[in-house]
Amino acid sequence: MIEPVDSPYLVPFDGSFRRTELPTQPPSGPLARKQAKALLAEQVDQLAKLQRKLYADDRYALLLVFQAMDAAGKDGTIRAVLTGVNPAGFQVSNFKQPSAEELDHDFLWRISRRLPERGRIGVFNRSHYEEVLVVRVHPEYLGPQRLPRLMSMDQRWSERYQSIRQFEEHLARNGTKILKFWLNVSKEEQRQRFLARIDERRKNWKFSAGDVRERGFWDRYMEAYEDALNATSRPHAPWYAIPADDKRYMRLQVAKIVVESLRRLHLNYPELPADERAALAEQRRLLVEEAGG
């Protein structure tokens, strides 16, 4: 099993994570724009090179899972970190309200259909964790799922955590490297970002009254996040709880973790067998002779 990248934001695997102990601000203050841009550019360049190796090596897939409260910066982080990656080498999936077809399957079915194949990077903007976050805060959403077994809510979430752990362990055994990021934005910073969406006309399209209503459930969401991260952070599928009040710092930390995780896979370009190398040498000789002829 490949060890996860060590980071002050790595959620421990023993259930001891407490959300109140994690700052939402960078430990040493906000990064200057110019410095942050240069540091992120270095990581993006490394990621682009590693993505090409990932594709050529064709043994592993990389799955990046992003969960956060509204306005934490998921979209911008995905865009900033993957800006240098060949578009043919990754795919982004957004998971919102389940369709009628999806509700007729188990909650992991729609996730399985979007998993990246070997050699590619898959990005989940929200994910299977919605089923133990949003649905836990709003248990009335369980009704349309028409689940066959009655049980207590505590047992329901415990079983879903178990299903998620087993699902992710299966993926890891078969070559999918999983990295999960909780972008930890403060309630006050979220309020400021909502105000900016209202006050700046070009951001009006981002605003939803439903997002403000969900703020009323903030404490319940924080409890759900803490329980979910403790129940499902494992060496083969670690959670990283990243301070999100400073977007530049957050994006840089995510990029660093992704880059170092890919490095630890020891990716290589494939070596051709001796007979194929000999055939290439012959083709090269013919091409050289053609130019000289």
Protein backbone atom coordinates (compact mmCIF):
# COMPACT_ATOMS: atom_id res chain seq x y z
CA MET A 1 0.00 0.00 0.00
CA ILE A 2 1.44 3.40 -1.01
CA GLU A 3 1.67 5.68 2.01
CA PRO A 4 -0.29 8.95 1.78
CA VAL A 5 1.53 12.27 1.55
CA ASP A 6 2.34 13.61 4.99
CA SER A 7 0.66 16.95 5.57
CA PRO A 8 -0.60 18.98 8.54
CA TYR A 9 -4.00 18.66 6.87
CA LEU A 10 -4.05 14.88 6.57
CA VAL A 11 -7.04 13.58 8.50
CA PRO A 12 -5.78 10.83 10.85
CA PHE A 13 -6.99 7.28 10.41
CA ASP A 14 -7.86 6.63 14.06
CA GLY A 15 -11.06 8.70 14.28
CA SER A 16 -9.43 11.50 16.28
CA PHE A 17 -10.09 14.34 13.80
CA ARG A 18 -11.86 17.36 15.28
CA ARG A 19 -12.97 20.06 12.89
CA THR A 20 -12.59 22.78 15.53
CA GLU A 21 -8.87 22.08 15.70
CA LEU A 22 -8.30 22.89 12.03
CA PRO A 23 -7.84 26.55 11.04
CA THR A 24 -9.66 27.93 8.01
CA GLN A 25 -6.83 30.44 7.46
CA PRO A 26 -3.23 29.68 6.41
CA PRO A 27 -0.94 29.19 9.42
CA SER A 28 1.45 31.97 8.37
CA GLY A 29 -1.02 34.46 6.89
CA PRO A 30 -2.29 35.02 3.34
CA LEU A 31 0.05 34.38 0.41
CA ALA A 32 0.99 37.33 -1.77
CA ARG A 33 -0.63 37.09 -5.18
CA LYS A 34 2.66 37.12 -7.16
CA GLN A 35 4.33 34.56 -4.88
CA ALA A 36 1.29 32.27 -4.92
CA LYS A 37 1.03 32.46 -8.70
CA ALA A 38 4.68 31.45 -9.16
CA LEU A 39 4.50 28.59 -6.65
CA LEU A 40 1.30 27.23 -8.16
CA ALA A 41 2.73 27.45 -11.68
CA GLU A 42 5.63 25.22 -10.60
CA GLN A 43 3.23 22.59 -9.26
CA VAL A 44 0.99 22.77 -12.31
CA ASP A 45 3.99 22.23 -14.57
CA GLN A 46 5.04 19.17 -12.56
CA LEU A 47 1.49 17.83 -12.61
CA ALA A 48 1.33 18.13 -16.41
CA LYS A 49 4.54 16.10 -16.75
CA LEU A 50 3.36 13.47 -14.28
CA GLN A 51 0.00 13.20 -16.03
CA ARG A 52 1.77 12.28 -19.27
CA LYS A 53 3.66 9.56 -17.41
CA LEU A 54 0.45 8.35 -15.76
CA TYR A 55 -1.14 8.00 -19.20
CA ALA A 56 1.85 6.23 -20.73
CA ASP A 57 2.44 3.97 -17.72
CA ASP A 58 -1.22 2.84 -17.83
CA ARG A 59 -1.21 1.00 -14.51
CA TYR A 60 -2.94 3.50 -12.27
CA ALA A 61 -5.85 5.90 -12.30
CA LEU A 62 -6.04 8.96 -10.06
CA LEU A 63 -9.34 9.98 -8.46
CA LEU A 64 -9.63 13.41 -6.85
CA VAL A 65 -12.70 13.96 -4.67
CA PHE A 66 -13.72 17.49 -3.67
CA GLN A 67 -16.30 18.20 -0.98
CA ALA A 68 -17.08 21.55 0.64
CA MET A 69 -19.74 23.95 1.72
CA ASP A 70 -21.05 26.28 -0.98
CA ALA A 71 -18.65 29.04 -2.09
CA ALA A 72 -15.60 27.25 -0.67
CA GLY A 73 -13.92 27.30 -4.10
CA LYS A 74 -14.22 23.79 -5.51
CA ASP A 75 -14.68 24.87 -9.15
CA GLY A 76 -11.85 27.39 -9.04
CA THR A 77 -9.48 24.94 -7.37
CA ILE A 78 -10.17 22.23 -9.93
CA ARG A 79 -9.63 24.72 -12.74
CA ALA A 80 -6.44 26.19 -11.25
CA VAL A 81 -4.76 22.90 -10.36
CA LEU A 82 -5.57 21.09 -13.62
CA THR A 83 -5.09 24.02 -15.98
CA GLY A 84 -1.90 22.54 -17.48
CA VAL A 85 -3.13 18.97 -17.87
CA ASN A 86 -3.96 17.65 -21.33
CA PRO A 87 -7.80 17.73 -21.54
CA ALA A 88 -7.70 14.21 -23.00
CA GLY A 89 -6.07 13.01 -19.79
CA PHE A 90 -8.73 13.90 -17.24
CA GLN A 91 -12.46 14.13 -16.74
CA VAL A 92 -14.60 16.12 -14.29
CA SER A 93 -17.90 14.76 -12.98
CA ASN A 94 -20.43 16.81 -11.04
CA PHE A 95 -22.92 15.04 -8.81
CA LYS A 96 -26.08 16.90 -7.93
CA GLN A 97 -29.62 15.72 -7.23
CA PRO A 98 -29.98 12.08 -8.33
CA SER A 99 -32.10 11.35 -11.39
CA ALA A 100 -35.01 8.89 -11.37
CA GLU A 101 -32.76 6.26 -12.94
CA GLU A 102 -30.05 6.81 -10.34
CA LEU A 103 -32.57 6.54 -7.50
CA ASP A 104 -33.48 3.08 -8.79
CA HIS A 105 -29.94 1.87 -8.03
CA ASP A 106 -27.76 1.78 -4.94
CA PHE A 107 -26.13 5.10 -4.02
CA LEU A 108 -22.71 4.06 -5.39
CA TRP A 109 -24.00 3.10 -8.84
CA ARG A 110 -23.82 6.54 -10.41
CA ILE A 111 -20.34 7.01 -8.95
CA SER A 112 -19.04 3.77 -10.44
CA ARG A 113 -20.09 4.86 -13.91
CA ARG A 114 -17.84 7.93 -13.75
CA LEU A 115 -14.66 6.35 -12.45
CA PRO A 116 -11.49 7.13 -14.44
CA GLU A 117 -9.86 4.37 -16.42
CA ARG A 118 -6.19 3.56 -15.96
CA GLY A 119 -3.93 6.29 -17.19
CA ARG A 120 -6.42 9.08 -16.53
CA ILE A 121 -7.30 11.54 -13.78
CA GLY A 122 -10.91 11.63 -12.61
CA VAL A 123 -12.27 14.57 -10.64
CA PHE A 124 -15.45 14.39 -8.59
CA ASN A 125 -16.95 17.80 -7.85
CA ARG A 126 -19.13 16.50 -5.02
CA SER A 127 -19.37 12.74 -4.87
CA HIS A 128 -20.74 9.66 -3.12
CA TYR A 129 -20.15 11.58 0.12
CA GLU A 130 -23.26 13.62 -0.57
CA GLU A 131 -25.12 10.54 0.70
CA VAL A 132 -23.63 10.92 4.19
CA LEU A 133 -23.53 14.73 4.20
CA VAL A 134 -26.50 16.39 2.50
CA VAL A 135 -28.73 13.36 3.00
CA ARG A 136 -27.73 13.13 6.65
CA VAL A 137 -28.61 16.79 7.20
CA HIS A 138 -31.84 16.27 5.23
CA PRO A 139 -32.91 12.68 5.95
CA GLU A 140 -36.17 13.31 4.12
CA TYR A 141 -34.14 12.78 0.94
CA LEU A 142 -34.04 9.09 1.81
CA GLY A 143 -37.75 8.76 0.96
CA PRO A 144 -37.37 8.74 -2.84
CA GLN A 145 -34.65 6.08 -2.54
CA ARG A 146 -37.30 3.53 -1.44
CA LEU A 147 -34.83 1.57 0.66
CA PRO A 148 -36.05 -1.93 1.55
CA ARG A 149 -34.73 -2.15 5.13
CA LEU A 150 -35.86 -0.08 8.09
CA MET A 151 -33.21 0.89 10.62
CA SER A 152 -32.17 3.73 12.89
CA MET A 153 -30.44 6.73 11.34
CA ASP A 154 -27.23 5.94 13.22
CA GLN A 155 -27.20 2.46 11.74
CA ARG A 156 -27.99 3.85 8.27
CA TRP A 157 -24.94 6.15 8.29
CA SER A 158 -22.75 3.45 9.82
CA GLU A 159 -23.66 1.06 7.00
CA ARG A 160 -23.03 3.72 4.37
CA TYR A 161 -19.61 4.53 5.82
CA GLN A 162 -18.83 0.82 5.66
CA SER A 163 -19.99 0.61 2.04
CA ILE A 164 -17.83 3.60 1.11
CA ARG A 165 -14.76 2.17 2.84
CA GLN A 166 -15.15 -1.18 1.09
CA PHE A 167 -15.81 0.49 -2.26
CA GLU A 168 -12.70 2.69 -2.00
CA GLU A 169 -10.55 -0.19 -0.80
CA HIS A 170 -11.63 -2.23 -3.81
CA LEU A 171 -10.68 0.65 -6.13
CA ALA A 172 -7.29 1.06 -4.46
CA ARG A 173 -6.53 -2.65 -4.79
CA ASN A 174 -7.19 -2.39 -8.51
CA GLY A 175 -4.97 0.59 -9.24
CA THR A 176 -7.01 3.70 -8.45
CA LYS A 177 -5.16 6.21 -6.28
CA ILE A 178 -7.77 8.16 -4.31
CA LEU A 179 -7.23 11.62 -2.81
CA LYS A 180 -10.10 13.35 -1.02
CA PHE A 181 -10.16 17.06 -0.21
CA TRP A 182 -12.47 18.85 2.19
CA LEU A 183 -12.12 22.57 1.49
CA ASN A 184 -12.72 23.98 4.94
CA VAL A 185 -14.22 27.46 4.58
CA SER A 186 -15.39 29.44 7.62
CA LYS A 187 -18.99 30.53 7.99
CA GLU A 188 -17.97 34.20 7.95
CA GLU A 189 -15.90 33.81 4.78
CA GLN A 190 -18.82 32.06 3.12
CA ARG A 191 -21.05 34.99 4.08
CA GLN A 192 -18.62 37.45 2.49
CA ARG A 193 -18.47 35.41 -0.71
CA PHE A 194 -22.25 35.23 -0.91
CA LEU A 195 -22.40 39.02 -0.52
CA ALA A 196 -19.86 39.38 -3.35
CA ARG A 197 -22.07 37.22 -5.58
CA ILE A 198 -24.96 39.56 -4.91
CA ASP A 199 -23.04 42.85 -5.12
CA GLU A 200 -20.96 42.06 -8.22
CA ARG A 201 -23.23 41.80 -11.25
CA ARG A 202 -20.88 39.47 -13.09
CA LYS A 203 -21.19 37.02 -10.18
CA ASN A 204 -24.98 37.16 -9.85
CA TRP A 205 -25.39 33.95 -11.82
CA LYS A 206 -23.50 32.07 -9.09
CA PHE A 207 -25.92 33.07 -6.35
CA SER A 208 -28.69 30.77 -5.18
CA ALA A 209 -31.17 31.50 -2.41
CA GLY A 210 -30.99 27.80 -1.58
CA ASP A 211 -27.34 28.21 -0.63
CA VAL A 212 -28.30 30.79 1.98
CA ARG A 213 -31.01 28.52 3.36
CA GLU A 214 -28.42 25.78 3.83
CA ARG A 215 -26.39 28.12 6.06
CA GLY A 216 -29.10 27.58 8.64
CA PHE A 217 -27.90 23.97 8.91
CA TRP A 218 -24.22 24.89 9.27
CA ASP A 219 -23.63 23.13 12.60
CA ARG A 220 -25.32 19.96 11.38
CA TYR A 221 -23.15 19.98 8.25
CA MET A 222 -20.01 20.40 10.33
CA GLU A 223 -20.99 17.42 12.48
CA ALA A 224 -21.68 15.37 9.35
CA TYR A 225 -18.30 16.29 7.85
CA GLU A 226 -16.44 15.43 11.03
CA ASP A 227 -18.10 12.04 11.31
CA ALA A 228 -17.68 11.22 7.61
CA LEU A 229 -14.01 12.16 7.51
CA ASN A 230 -13.25 10.19 10.67
CA ALA A 231 -15.13 7.15 9.37
CA THR A 232 -13.58 7.07 5.89
CA SER A 233 -10.05 8.52 6.01
CA ARG A 234 -7.78 5.56 5.37
CA PRO A 235 -4.19 5.17 4.06
CA HIS A 236 -5.48 3.99 0.67
CA ALA A 237 -8.09 6.81 0.48
CA PRO A 238 -6.98 9.69 2.72
CA TRP A 239 -8.89 12.87 3.45
CA TYR A 240 -7.10 16.22 3.52
CA ALA A 241 -8.91 19.04 5.34
CA ILE A 242 -7.54 22.15 3.62
CA PRO A 243 -8.00 25.69 4.99
CA ALA A 244 -10.13 27.44 2.37
CA ASP A 245 -10.51 31.07 3.47
CA ASP A 246 -7.44 31.96 1.36
CA LYS A 247 -8.06 30.53 -2.11
CA ARG A 248 -4.47 30.95 -3.29
CA TYR A 249 -3.10 29.02 -0.32
CA MET A 250 -5.77 26.33 -0.66
CA ARG A 251 -5.07 25.72 -4.34
CA LEU A 252 -1.34 25.49 -3.74
CA GLN A 253 -1.76 22.92 -0.97
CA VAL A 254 -4.05 20.77 -3.11
CA ALA A 255 -1.61 20.92 -6.03
CA LYS A 256 1.34 19.94 -3.82
CA ILE A 257 -0.48 16.91 -2.45
CA VAL A 258 -1.57 15.75 -5.90
CA VAL A 259 1.93 16.14 -7.36
CA GLU A 260 3.67 14.35 -4.50
CA SER A 261 1.09 11.54 -4.57
CA LEU A 262 1.73 10.94 -8.27
CA ARG A 263 5.48 10.94 -7.68
CA ARG A 264 5.08 8.18 -5.13
CA LEU A 265 3.55 5.93 -7.78
CA HIS A 266 6.99 5.73 -9.47
CA LEU A 267 5.51 6.11 -12.93
CA ASN A 268 7.59 5.26 -15.99
CA TYR A 269 7.33 5.48 -19.72
CA PRO A 270 7.04 1.91 -21.07
CA GLU A 271 10.16 0.24 -22.45
CA LEU A 272 9.75 -1.53 -25.79
CA PRO A 273 10.99 -5.12 -26.16
CA ALA A 274 14.28 -5.65 -27.98
CA ASP A 275 12.63 -6.80 -31.22
CA GLU A 276 10.40 -3.71 -31.35
CA ARG A 277 13.39 -1.44 -30.67
CA ALA A 278 15.22 -3.15 -33.55
CA ALA A 279 12.22 -2.56 -35.80
CA LEU A 280 12.21 1.13 -34.83
CA ALA A 281 15.90 1.38 -35.63
CA GLU A 282 15.24 -0.08 -39.07
CA GLN A 283 12.43 2.41 -39.70
CA ARG A 284 14.74 5.22 -38.65
CA ARG A 285 17.43 4.00 -41.06
CA LEU A 286 14.92 3.99 -43.92
CA LEU A 287 13.76 7.51 -43.12
CA VAL A 288 17.32 8.80 -42.94
CA GLU A 289 18.21 7.18 -46.25
CA GLU A 290 15.10 8.69 -47.82
CA ALA A 291 16.20 12.17 -46.83
CA GLY A 292 19.71 11.60 -48.18
CA GLY A 293 18.57 9.95 -51.37
